[in-house]
Each structure stands twice: as C-alpha cells, then as structure tokens.
Amino acid sequence: MKQKRSLKEEEDEKGMKVRGGGGEKKTMALESRITQEEIKKEPEKPIDREKTCPLLLRVFTTNSGRHHRADEFARGNVPSSELQIYTWMDATLKELTSLVKEVYPEARKKGTHFSFAIVFPDPRGKALKDIGSTVSGRKGADDSMTLQSQRFQIGDYLDIAITPPNRAPPLSTRMRPF
C-alpha cells in the first residue's frame, strides 16, 4: 500500500517521472552538464577510408618560416603557392607533412620544421588559427593531431609555414619585423 503524501510521484505514459499535488502534474526535466574537457576526451569516430569520400584540402605553403597574412586570403584571393590534396578529416599532421614532402624535395631534409594553421572565414574576412607543428625526421607531440580534432571544417584552408633546418623557426609566427 502506497503512503499518501501531499506531493506524490507517478510515471506518466512515456515513462517520465511526474510530480503532482492537488491534481496538477509537472514533468521533471533532466539536465546534462558536459564540460569542454569531457568533450575533448571523447574519442574521434573512426573514418572508413574505403567507404568515405575524401575532401579537397587546399594547402598554401611558404618557405619563409612564416604563415601567410590573413589579408592575403581576402575577397576570394589566395596565395599562388597552392597544393590540392584529397584526404579525410582524420588525416594527421604527420601524414600531411609527408604529402607536402613528396611535392617539395627541399622540405625532405631532416630537421625541417612545418607549422600548421587553419584559415577560416571570420566576420572581418579570413582568420588564421595555429594548430600545431611537425619536424621532419623527428617524433613530436603534434604528429598524431588530426584535422577533425582541431575543428577543421570542409571549405577551410590549411596554411603551412616551412622552415629549413638551417634556420630556427620564428618564436612567434604572427610577429613580423618592420
């Protein structure tokens, strides 16, 4: 036998808990709180490269060790040093490095530094976001970073600043000497 209370709980026809008292019923809402850290910890869904169509990745490179300026991508213009790569969202920076080295033999030297940035639309035009770097012939922390993990979206560009091994990479890719 159920005890009578002024506020009783029942289940409605959909299985949700319903609270009511005095003839009125209120549905209880469940709230999920997921932190950004928990989202980042979720494993990326594996992409079946046999069944998934690749995307066209437009890559722009410089051999100066510095990224292109955002205004070089303004109003539909793009720099002239374009590579077009067909790849998938789970492509790693190390994988992209090896594809660039196939095209640029001078970048194959051990110790060549590759700095990656995503070029994406912004309300003021285009913006660049540094996402990581790799070094030819060395293992690094960013080697296994994927486009998907950096929130790359189809239609964004990839800008790669290549620094030869005899020159140290610039401390800040955003600063330019005047």
N, C-alpha and C. Protein backbone atom coordinates (compact mmCIF):
# COMPACT_ATOMS: atom_id res chain seq x y z
N MET A 1 0.82 -1.18 0.00
CA MET A 1 0.00 0.00 0.00
C MET A 1 0.87 1.25 0.00
N LYS A 2 0.60 2.19 -0.92
CA LYS A 2 1.39 3.40 -1.02
C LYS A 2 1.01 4.37 0.09
N GLN A 3 2.06 5.08 0.59
CA GLN A 3 1.78 6.11 1.57
C GLN A 3 1.30 7.35 0.84
N LYS A 4 0.36 8.06 1.45
CA LYS A 4 -0.14 9.29 0.85
C LYS A 4 0.76 10.43 1.27
N ARG A 5 1.14 11.26 0.30
CA ARG A 5 1.91 12.47 0.56
C ARG A 5 1.23 13.60 -0.18
N SER A 6 1.53 14.80 0.25
CA SER A 6 0.94 15.93 -0.45
C SER A 6 1.56 16.09 -1.83
N LEU A 7 2.79 15.65 -1.97
CA LEU A 7 3.46 15.70 -3.26
C LEU A 7 3.81 14.27 -3.63
N LYS A 8 3.15 13.72 -4.62
CA LYS A 8 3.39 12.33 -4.97
C LYS A 8 4.04 12.22 -6.34
N GLU A 9 4.79 11.11 -6.53
CA GLU A 9 5.44 10.87 -7.80
C GLU A 9 4.76 9.72 -8.50
N GLU A 10 4.57 9.87 -9.78
CA GLU A 10 3.99 8.81 -10.61
C GLU A 10 4.78 8.78 -11.91
N GLU A 11 4.57 7.77 -12.68
CA GLU A 11 5.14 7.74 -14.02
C GLU A 11 4.02 7.99 -15.00
N ASP A 12 4.28 8.89 -15.97
CA ASP A 12 3.25 9.11 -17.00
C ASP A 12 3.36 8.01 -18.06
N GLU A 13 2.58 8.12 -19.12
CA GLU A 13 2.54 7.08 -20.13
C GLU A 13 3.85 6.94 -20.90
N LYS A 14 4.72 7.95 -20.90
CA LYS A 14 6.00 7.88 -21.60
C LYS A 14 7.11 7.40 -20.68
N GLY A 15 6.79 7.10 -19.42
CA GLY A 15 7.80 6.59 -18.51
C GLY A 15 8.56 7.69 -17.77
N MET A 16 8.17 8.96 -17.94
CA MET A 16 8.86 10.05 -17.25
C MET A 16 8.25 10.21 -15.86
N LYS A 17 9.07 10.59 -14.94
CA LYS A 17 8.60 10.85 -13.59
C LYS A 17 7.75 12.11 -13.61
N VAL A 18 6.64 12.05 -12.95
CA VAL A 18 5.73 13.20 -12.89
C VAL A 18 5.46 13.48 -11.43
N ARG A 19 5.59 14.72 -11.05
CA ARG A 19 5.26 15.11 -9.69
C ARG A 19 3.97 15.89 -9.72
N GLY A 20 3.18 15.67 -8.74
CA GLY A 20 1.94 16.43 -8.70
C GLY A 20 1.39 16.50 -7.30
N GLY A 21 0.64 17.46 -7.04
CA GLY A 21 -0.02 17.64 -5.77
C GLY A 21 -1.28 18.45 -6.04
N GLY A 22 -2.34 18.10 -5.43
CA GLY A 22 -3.56 18.87 -5.61
C GLY A 22 -4.11 18.77 -7.02
N GLY A 23 -3.87 17.65 -7.71
CA GLY A 23 -4.48 17.45 -9.02
C GLY A 23 -3.65 17.94 -10.19
N GLU A 24 -2.57 18.75 -9.98
CA GLU A 24 -1.77 19.22 -11.09
C GLU A 24 -0.54 18.34 -11.25
N LYS A 25 -0.07 18.20 -12.47
CA LYS A 25 1.10 17.37 -12.73
C LYS A 25 2.18 18.23 -13.37
N LYS A 26 3.42 18.04 -12.92
CA LYS A 26 4.56 18.75 -13.50
C LYS A 26 5.57 17.70 -13.96
N THR A 27 6.09 17.85 -15.16
CA THR A 27 7.09 16.93 -15.67
C THR A 27 8.46 17.39 -15.20
N MET A 28 9.25 16.44 -14.67
CA MET A 28 10.61 16.77 -14.21
C MET A 28 11.54 16.72 -15.41
N ALA A 29 12.40 17.69 -15.53
CA ALA A 29 13.35 17.73 -16.63
C ALA A 29 14.71 17.27 -16.14
N LEU A 30 15.39 16.53 -16.98
CA LEU A 30 16.75 16.10 -16.68
C LEU A 30 17.70 17.02 -17.41
N GLU A 31 18.78 17.39 -16.75
CA GLU A 31 19.74 18.30 -17.35
C GLU A 31 21.09 17.63 -17.40
N SER A 32 21.77 17.76 -18.53
CA SER A 32 23.10 17.18 -18.70
C SER A 32 24.12 18.30 -18.69
N ARG A 33 25.14 18.12 -17.91
CA ARG A 33 26.21 19.11 -17.87
C ARG A 33 27.50 18.43 -18.31
N ILE A 34 27.96 18.78 -19.50
CA ILE A 34 29.17 18.20 -20.05
C ILE A 34 30.19 19.31 -20.16
N THR A 35 31.35 19.11 -19.59
CA THR A 35 32.40 20.12 -19.64
C THR A 35 33.17 20.00 -20.95
N GLN A 36 33.89 21.05 -21.29
CA GLN A 36 34.70 21.05 -22.51
C GLN A 36 35.76 19.95 -22.45
N GLU A 37 36.31 19.69 -21.25
CA GLU A 37 37.33 18.66 -21.13
C GLU A 37 36.76 17.28 -21.45
N GLU A 38 35.52 17.03 -21.05
CA GLU A 38 34.89 15.75 -21.34
C GLU A 38 34.65 15.59 -22.83
N ILE A 39 34.32 16.69 -23.50
CA ILE A 39 34.10 16.65 -24.95
C ILE A 39 35.42 16.31 -25.64
N LYS A 40 36.52 16.93 -25.20
CA LYS A 40 37.81 16.67 -25.83
C LYS A 40 38.29 15.24 -25.59
N LYS A 41 37.87 14.63 -24.47
CA LYS A 41 38.30 13.28 -24.15
C LYS A 41 37.57 12.22 -24.97
N GLU A 42 36.42 12.60 -25.56
CA GLU A 42 35.68 11.64 -26.36
C GLU A 42 36.52 11.24 -27.57
N PRO A 43 36.63 9.95 -27.83
CA PRO A 43 37.43 9.53 -28.98
C PRO A 43 36.74 9.94 -30.28
N GLU A 44 37.56 10.29 -31.27
CA GLU A 44 37.01 10.64 -32.57
C GLU A 44 36.44 9.39 -33.22
N LYS A 45 35.36 9.59 -33.94
CA LYS A 45 34.77 8.45 -34.64
C LYS A 45 35.71 8.06 -35.78
N PRO A 46 36.08 6.79 -35.86
CA PRO A 46 36.98 6.38 -36.93
C PRO A 46 36.30 6.54 -38.30
N ILE A 47 37.09 6.94 -39.27
CA ILE A 47 36.57 7.14 -40.62
C ILE A 47 37.01 5.96 -41.47
N ASP A 48 36.05 5.31 -42.11
CA ASP A 48 36.37 4.20 -43.01
C ASP A 48 36.75 4.81 -44.36
N ARG A 49 38.03 4.83 -44.65
CA ARG A 49 38.52 5.49 -45.87
C ARG A 49 38.11 4.74 -47.14
N GLU A 50 37.69 3.50 -47.00
CA GLU A 50 37.21 2.74 -48.15
C GLU A 50 35.79 3.18 -48.54
N LYS A 51 35.01 3.60 -47.55
CA LYS A 51 33.60 3.94 -47.80
C LYS A 51 33.32 5.44 -47.78
N THR A 52 34.24 6.24 -47.24
CA THR A 52 34.03 7.68 -47.11
C THR A 52 34.75 8.41 -48.23
N CYS A 53 34.06 9.31 -48.86
CA CYS A 53 34.63 10.12 -49.94
C CYS A 53 35.62 11.12 -49.35
N PRO A 54 36.81 11.26 -49.94
CA PRO A 54 37.77 12.24 -49.41
C PRO A 54 37.33 13.68 -49.70
N LEU A 55 37.90 14.62 -48.97
CA LEU A 55 37.62 16.03 -49.20
C LEU A 55 38.81 16.66 -49.90
N LEU A 56 38.56 17.77 -50.58
CA LEU A 56 39.64 18.52 -51.22
C LEU A 56 40.18 19.50 -50.20
N LEU A 57 41.44 19.34 -49.86
CA LEU A 57 42.11 20.22 -48.91
C LEU A 57 43.01 21.16 -49.70
N ARG A 58 42.72 22.44 -49.60
CA ARG A 58 43.54 23.45 -50.28
C ARG A 58 44.61 23.90 -49.30
N VAL A 59 45.86 23.62 -49.66
CA VAL A 59 47.01 23.89 -48.79
C VAL A 59 47.86 24.98 -49.43
N PHE A 60 48.25 25.96 -48.61
CA PHE A 60 49.11 27.05 -49.07
C PHE A 60 50.39 27.00 -48.24
N THR A 61 51.53 27.03 -48.92
CA THR A 61 52.81 26.89 -48.22
C THR A 61 53.67 28.12 -48.42
N THR A 62 54.56 28.33 -47.44
CA THR A 62 55.62 29.34 -47.57
C THR A 62 56.91 28.67 -47.14
N ASN A 63 58.01 29.10 -47.72
CA ASN A 63 59.33 28.59 -47.33
C ASN A 63 60.06 29.59 -46.45
N SER A 64 59.37 30.63 -46.04
CA SER A 64 59.99 31.69 -45.23
C SER A 64 59.94 31.39 -43.73
N GLY A 65 59.19 30.37 -43.35
CA GLY A 65 59.06 30.07 -41.93
C GLY A 65 57.93 30.83 -41.28
N ARG A 66 57.24 31.67 -42.03
CA ARG A 66 56.12 32.47 -41.50
C ARG A 66 54.86 32.15 -42.29
N HIS A 67 53.73 32.20 -41.61
CA HIS A 67 52.45 31.96 -42.28
C HIS A 67 52.09 33.15 -43.17
N HIS A 68 51.23 32.90 -44.14
CA HIS A 68 50.67 33.99 -44.93
C HIS A 68 49.86 34.90 -44.02
N ARG A 69 49.71 36.16 -44.42
CA ARG A 69 48.85 37.08 -43.67
C ARG A 69 47.39 36.77 -44.00
N ALA A 70 46.51 37.03 -43.08
CA ALA A 70 45.08 36.77 -43.28
C ALA A 70 44.54 37.57 -44.46
N ASP A 71 45.06 38.79 -44.68
CA ASP A 71 44.54 39.61 -45.78
C ASP A 71 44.92 39.07 -47.16
N GLU A 72 45.88 38.15 -47.21
CA GLU A 72 46.23 37.53 -48.49
C GLU A 72 45.13 36.57 -48.98
N PHE A 73 44.20 36.22 -48.08
CA PHE A 73 43.08 35.35 -48.41
C PHE A 73 41.78 36.14 -48.57
N ALA A 74 41.85 37.46 -48.53
CA ALA A 74 40.65 38.30 -48.54
C ALA A 74 40.01 38.37 -49.92
N ARG A 75 38.72 38.56 -49.92
CA ARG A 75 37.91 38.80 -51.13
C ARG A 75 38.14 37.78 -52.24
N GLY A 76 38.22 36.52 -51.86
CA GLY A 76 38.34 35.45 -52.85
C GLY A 76 39.74 35.25 -53.38
N ASN A 77 40.70 36.09 -52.97
CA ASN A 77 42.08 35.92 -53.41
C ASN A 77 42.76 34.85 -52.55
N VAL A 78 43.72 34.18 -53.15
CA VAL A 78 44.52 33.21 -52.41
C VAL A 78 45.97 33.34 -52.86
N PRO A 79 46.92 32.97 -52.01
CA PRO A 79 48.34 32.99 -52.42
C PRO A 79 48.57 32.03 -53.58
N SER A 80 49.65 32.23 -54.31
CA SER A 80 49.90 31.42 -55.51
C SER A 80 50.46 30.03 -55.20
N SER A 81 51.01 29.82 -54.03
CA SER A 81 51.66 28.55 -53.70
C SER A 81 50.64 27.52 -53.18
N GLU A 82 49.76 27.09 -54.05
CA GLU A 82 48.68 26.18 -53.62
C GLU A 82 48.96 24.73 -53.98
N LEU A 83 48.70 23.86 -53.01
CA LEU A 83 48.68 22.42 -53.25
C LEU A 83 47.25 21.96 -53.04
N GLN A 84 46.80 21.03 -53.84
CA GLN A 84 45.46 20.47 -53.64
C GLN A 84 45.64 18.99 -53.27
N ILE A 85 45.14 18.66 -52.09
CA ILE A 85 45.30 17.30 -51.56
C ILE A 85 43.93 16.71 -51.29
N TYR A 86 43.70 15.51 -51.76
CA TYR A 86 42.48 14.79 -51.41
C TYR A 86 42.78 13.93 -50.19
N THR A 87 42.07 14.18 -49.10
CA THR A 87 42.32 13.47 -47.85
C THR A 87 41.03 13.38 -47.05
N TRP A 88 41.15 12.90 -45.82
CA TRP A 88 40.00 12.71 -44.94
C TRP A 88 40.17 13.54 -43.68
N MET A 89 39.09 13.72 -42.93
CA MET A 89 39.12 14.52 -41.71
C MET A 89 40.02 13.92 -40.64
N ASP A 90 40.32 12.63 -40.72
CA ASP A 90 41.18 12.01 -39.72
C ASP A 90 42.66 12.03 -40.12
N ALA A 91 42.99 12.82 -41.15
CA ALA A 91 44.39 12.95 -41.57
C ALA A 91 45.19 13.62 -40.46
N THR A 92 46.35 13.05 -40.15
CA THR A 92 47.20 13.61 -39.10
C THR A 92 48.16 14.64 -39.70
N LEU A 93 48.72 15.48 -38.83
CA LEU A 93 49.69 16.47 -39.30
C LEU A 93 50.93 15.77 -39.88
N LYS A 94 51.31 14.64 -39.31
CA LYS A 94 52.47 13.90 -39.83
C LYS A 94 52.17 13.37 -41.23
N GLU A 95 50.96 12.89 -41.43
CA GLU A 95 50.54 12.40 -42.75
C GLU A 95 50.56 13.53 -43.78
N LEU A 96 50.06 14.70 -43.39
CA LEU A 96 50.06 15.86 -44.29
C LEU A 96 51.49 16.33 -44.57
N THR A 97 52.35 16.24 -43.56
CA THR A 97 53.76 16.59 -43.74
C THR A 97 54.39 15.72 -44.82
N SER A 98 54.13 14.41 -44.78
CA SER A 98 54.73 13.51 -45.77
C SER A 98 54.20 13.80 -47.17
N LEU A 99 52.95 14.21 -47.29
CA LEU A 99 52.40 14.55 -48.61
C LEU A 99 53.04 15.82 -49.16
N VAL A 100 53.29 16.79 -48.30
CA VAL A 100 53.96 18.02 -48.73
C VAL A 100 55.41 17.72 -49.14
N LYS A 101 56.08 16.84 -48.40
CA LYS A 101 57.47 16.49 -48.72
C LYS A 101 57.58 15.79 -50.07
N GLU A 102 56.53 15.10 -50.51
CA GLU A 102 56.55 14.47 -51.83
C GLU A 102 56.62 15.51 -52.94
N VAL A 103 56.00 16.67 -52.71
CA VAL A 103 55.95 17.72 -53.72
C VAL A 103 57.17 18.64 -53.65
N TYR A 104 57.66 18.91 -52.44
CA TYR A 104 58.80 19.81 -52.25
C TYR A 104 60.02 19.03 -51.75
N PRO A 105 60.90 18.61 -52.66
CA PRO A 105 62.07 17.82 -52.25
C PRO A 105 62.95 18.54 -51.22
N GLU A 106 63.03 19.87 -51.28
CA GLU A 106 63.87 20.61 -50.33
C GLU A 106 63.33 20.52 -48.90
N ALA A 107 62.06 20.16 -48.75
CA ALA A 107 61.45 20.03 -47.41
C ALA A 107 61.70 18.65 -46.81
N ARG A 108 62.36 17.77 -47.55
CA ARG A 108 62.61 16.41 -47.07
C ARG A 108 63.78 16.33 -46.10
N LYS A 109 64.57 17.40 -46.02
CA LYS A 109 65.76 17.38 -45.16
C LYS A 109 65.36 17.18 -43.71
N LYS A 110 66.15 16.37 -43.02
CA LYS A 110 65.90 16.11 -41.61
C LYS A 110 66.02 17.42 -40.82
N GLY A 111 65.04 17.69 -39.97
CA GLY A 111 65.04 18.90 -39.16
C GLY A 111 64.21 20.03 -39.74
N THR A 112 63.62 19.83 -40.93
CA THR A 112 62.74 20.85 -41.50
C THR A 112 61.49 20.98 -40.63
N HIS A 113 61.13 22.20 -40.28
CA HIS A 113 60.02 22.48 -39.37
C HIS A 113 58.79 22.87 -40.19
N PHE A 114 57.64 22.23 -39.89
CA PHE A 114 56.37 22.53 -40.56
C PHE A 114 55.40 23.06 -39.50
N SER A 115 54.93 24.29 -39.69
CA SER A 115 53.97 24.90 -38.77
C SER A 115 52.63 24.99 -39.48
N PHE A 116 51.57 24.46 -38.86
CA PHE A 116 50.25 24.36 -39.49
C PHE A 116 49.28 25.38 -38.90
N ALA A 117 48.48 25.98 -39.77
CA ALA A 117 47.42 26.90 -39.33
C ALA A 117 46.19 26.68 -40.21
N ILE A 118 45.03 26.79 -39.60
CA ILE A 118 43.77 26.70 -40.35
C ILE A 118 43.35 28.12 -40.72
N VAL A 119 42.98 28.32 -41.98
CA VAL A 119 42.46 29.61 -42.44
C VAL A 119 40.95 29.42 -42.57
N PHE A 120 40.19 30.21 -41.84
CA PHE A 120 38.74 30.03 -41.82
C PHE A 120 38.03 31.37 -41.95
N PRO A 121 36.75 31.36 -42.37
CA PRO A 121 36.01 32.62 -42.51
C PRO A 121 35.77 33.26 -41.14
N ASP A 122 35.84 34.56 -41.14
CA ASP A 122 35.64 35.36 -39.93
C ASP A 122 34.75 36.55 -40.33
N PRO A 123 34.01 37.13 -39.40
CA PRO A 123 33.18 38.28 -39.78
C PRO A 123 33.98 39.42 -40.44
N ARG A 124 35.28 39.52 -40.13
CA ARG A 124 36.12 40.58 -40.72
C ARG A 124 36.89 40.09 -41.95
N GLY A 125 36.59 38.91 -42.45
CA GLY A 125 37.30 38.36 -43.60
C GLY A 125 37.74 36.95 -43.32
N LYS A 126 39.05 36.72 -43.33
CA LYS A 126 39.62 35.41 -43.00
C LYS A 126 40.49 35.54 -41.77
N ALA A 127 40.59 34.45 -41.01
CA ALA A 127 41.43 34.43 -39.81
C ALA A 127 42.27 33.16 -39.82
N LEU A 128 43.41 33.21 -39.15
CA LEU A 128 44.30 32.06 -39.05
C LEU A 128 44.34 31.58 -37.60
N LYS A 129 44.35 30.26 -37.45
CA LYS A 129 44.45 29.65 -36.12
C LYS A 129 45.56 28.62 -36.17
N ASP A 130 46.63 28.83 -35.39
CA ASP A 130 47.72 27.86 -35.33
C ASP A 130 47.21 26.58 -34.70
N ILE A 131 47.54 25.44 -35.32
CA ILE A 131 47.04 24.17 -34.76
C ILE A 131 48.14 23.21 -34.35
N GLY A 132 49.37 23.44 -34.77
CA GLY A 132 50.43 22.53 -34.37
C GLY A 132 51.60 22.56 -35.33
N SER A 133 52.60 21.74 -35.04
CA SER A 133 53.78 21.70 -35.90
C SER A 133 54.42 20.31 -35.87
N THR A 134 55.17 20.03 -36.92
CA THR A 134 55.91 18.78 -37.01
C THR A 134 57.34 19.11 -37.46
N VAL A 135 58.24 18.17 -37.23
CA VAL A 135 59.62 18.32 -37.67
C VAL A 135 59.99 17.06 -38.43
N SER A 136 60.52 17.27 -39.62
CA SER A 136 60.91 16.15 -40.47
C SER A 136 62.01 15.33 -39.81
N GLY A 137 61.78 14.01 -39.72
CA GLY A 137 62.78 13.11 -39.15
C GLY A 137 62.74 13.00 -37.63
N ARG A 138 61.79 13.69 -36.98
CA ARG A 138 61.68 13.62 -35.51
C ARG A 138 60.23 13.38 -35.11
N LYS A 139 60.06 12.67 -34.01
CA LYS A 139 58.72 12.48 -33.47
C LYS A 139 58.37 13.68 -32.60
N GLY A 140 57.10 14.07 -32.67
CA GLY A 140 56.67 15.23 -31.88
C GLY A 140 55.28 15.03 -31.31
N ALA A 141 54.91 15.92 -30.40
CA ALA A 141 53.62 15.83 -29.71
C ALA A 141 52.44 16.06 -30.66
N ASP A 142 52.66 16.85 -31.71
CA ASP A 142 51.55 17.18 -32.61
C ASP A 142 51.42 16.23 -33.80
N ASP A 143 52.30 15.25 -33.91
CA ASP A 143 52.30 14.35 -35.07
C ASP A 143 50.95 13.67 -35.28
N SER A 144 50.32 13.23 -34.22
CA SER A 144 49.07 12.47 -34.35
C SER A 144 47.82 13.35 -34.29
N MET A 145 47.99 14.65 -34.25
CA MET A 145 46.84 15.57 -34.24
C MET A 145 46.12 15.50 -35.58
N THR A 146 44.79 15.45 -35.55
CA THR A 146 44.02 15.34 -36.79
C THR A 146 43.33 16.66 -37.12
N LEU A 147 42.91 16.79 -38.37
CA LEU A 147 42.13 17.97 -38.78
C LEU A 147 40.83 18.04 -37.97
N GLN A 148 40.20 16.90 -37.82
CA GLN A 148 38.93 16.81 -37.10
C GLN A 148 39.08 17.28 -35.66
N SER A 149 40.17 16.91 -35.00
CA SER A 149 40.37 17.28 -33.60
C SER A 149 40.57 18.79 -33.44
N GLN A 150 40.96 19.47 -34.50
CA GLN A 150 41.18 20.91 -34.45
C GLN A 150 40.00 21.70 -35.02
N ARG A 151 38.89 21.02 -35.17
CA ARG A 151 37.64 21.63 -35.66
C ARG A 151 37.76 22.21 -37.07
N PHE A 152 38.59 21.55 -37.89
CA PHE A 152 38.68 21.91 -39.30
C PHE A 152 37.32 21.63 -39.94
N GLN A 153 36.86 22.53 -40.79
CA GLN A 153 35.60 22.32 -41.50
C GLN A 153 35.87 22.31 -43.00
N ILE A 154 35.10 21.53 -43.71
CA ILE A 154 35.26 21.47 -45.16
C ILE A 154 35.04 22.87 -45.71
N GLY A 155 35.97 23.32 -46.52
CA GLY A 155 35.93 24.69 -47.06
C GLY A 155 37.01 25.57 -46.44
N ASP A 156 37.53 25.19 -45.27
CA ASP A 156 38.65 25.93 -44.68
C ASP A 156 39.90 25.61 -45.49
N TYR A 157 40.92 26.46 -45.35
CA TYR A 157 42.21 26.23 -45.99
C TYR A 157 43.21 25.82 -44.92
N LEU A 158 44.33 25.25 -45.37
CA LEU A 158 45.42 24.92 -44.47
C LEU A 158 46.64 25.71 -44.93
N ASP A 159 47.27 26.44 -44.01
CA ASP A 159 48.47 27.21 -44.32
C ASP A 159 49.64 26.55 -43.60
N ILE A 160 50.69 26.23 -44.34
CA ILE A 160 51.86 25.57 -43.75
C ILE A 160 53.09 26.44 -43.96
N ALA A 161 53.70 26.84 -42.85
CA ALA A 161 54.96 27.59 -42.90
C ALA A 161 56.10 26.59 -42.77
N ILE A 162 56.92 26.50 -43.80
CA ILE A 162 58.03 25.55 -43.82
C ILE A 162 59.32 26.30 -43.50
N THR A 163 60.05 25.81 -42.50
CA THR A 163 61.33 26.42 -42.12
C THR A 163 62.44 25.40 -42.35
N PRO A 164 63.42 25.74 -43.20
CA PRO A 164 64.54 24.82 -43.44
C PRO A 164 65.30 24.53 -42.15
N PRO A 165 66.00 23.40 -42.08
CA PRO A 165 66.68 23.02 -40.84
C PRO A 165 67.81 23.96 -40.43
N ASN A 166 68.39 24.70 -41.36
CA ASN A 166 69.49 25.59 -41.01
C ASN A 166 69.02 26.91 -40.38
N ARG A 167 67.71 27.16 -40.41
CA ARG A 167 67.15 28.36 -39.77
C ARG A 167 66.20 27.92 -38.67
N ALA A 168 66.31 28.52 -37.52
CA ALA A 168 65.39 28.20 -36.41
C ALA A 168 64.02 28.75 -36.73
N PRO A 169 62.95 28.03 -36.34
CA PRO A 169 61.61 28.55 -36.58
C PRO A 169 61.41 29.83 -35.79
N PRO A 170 60.64 30.78 -36.33
CA PRO A 170 60.41 32.03 -35.61
C PRO A 170 59.70 31.78 -34.29
N LEU A 171 60.00 32.62 -33.30
CA LEU A 171 59.38 32.46 -31.98
C LEU A 171 57.88 32.65 -32.07
N SER A 172 57.46 33.64 -32.79
CA SER A 172 56.03 33.86 -32.98
C SER A 172 55.77 34.02 -34.45
N THR A 173 54.90 33.20 -35.00
CA THR A 173 54.61 33.26 -36.43
C THR A 173 53.77 34.47 -36.79
N ARG A 174 53.20 35.13 -35.79
CA ARG A 174 52.35 36.29 -36.04
C ARG A 174 53.15 37.59 -36.12
N MET A 175 54.31 37.63 -35.46
CA MET A 175 55.09 38.87 -35.42
C MET A 175 55.92 38.98 -36.71
N ARG A 176 55.94 40.17 -37.24
CA ARG A 176 56.73 40.42 -38.45
C ARG A 176 57.66 41.60 -38.18
N PRO A 177 58.94 41.46 -38.48
CA PRO A 177 59.85 42.60 -38.27
C PRO A 177 59.57 43.69 -39.28
N PHE A 178 59.68 44.94 -38.83
CA PHE A 178 59.46 46.07 -39.74
C PHE A 178 60.74 46.84 -39.94
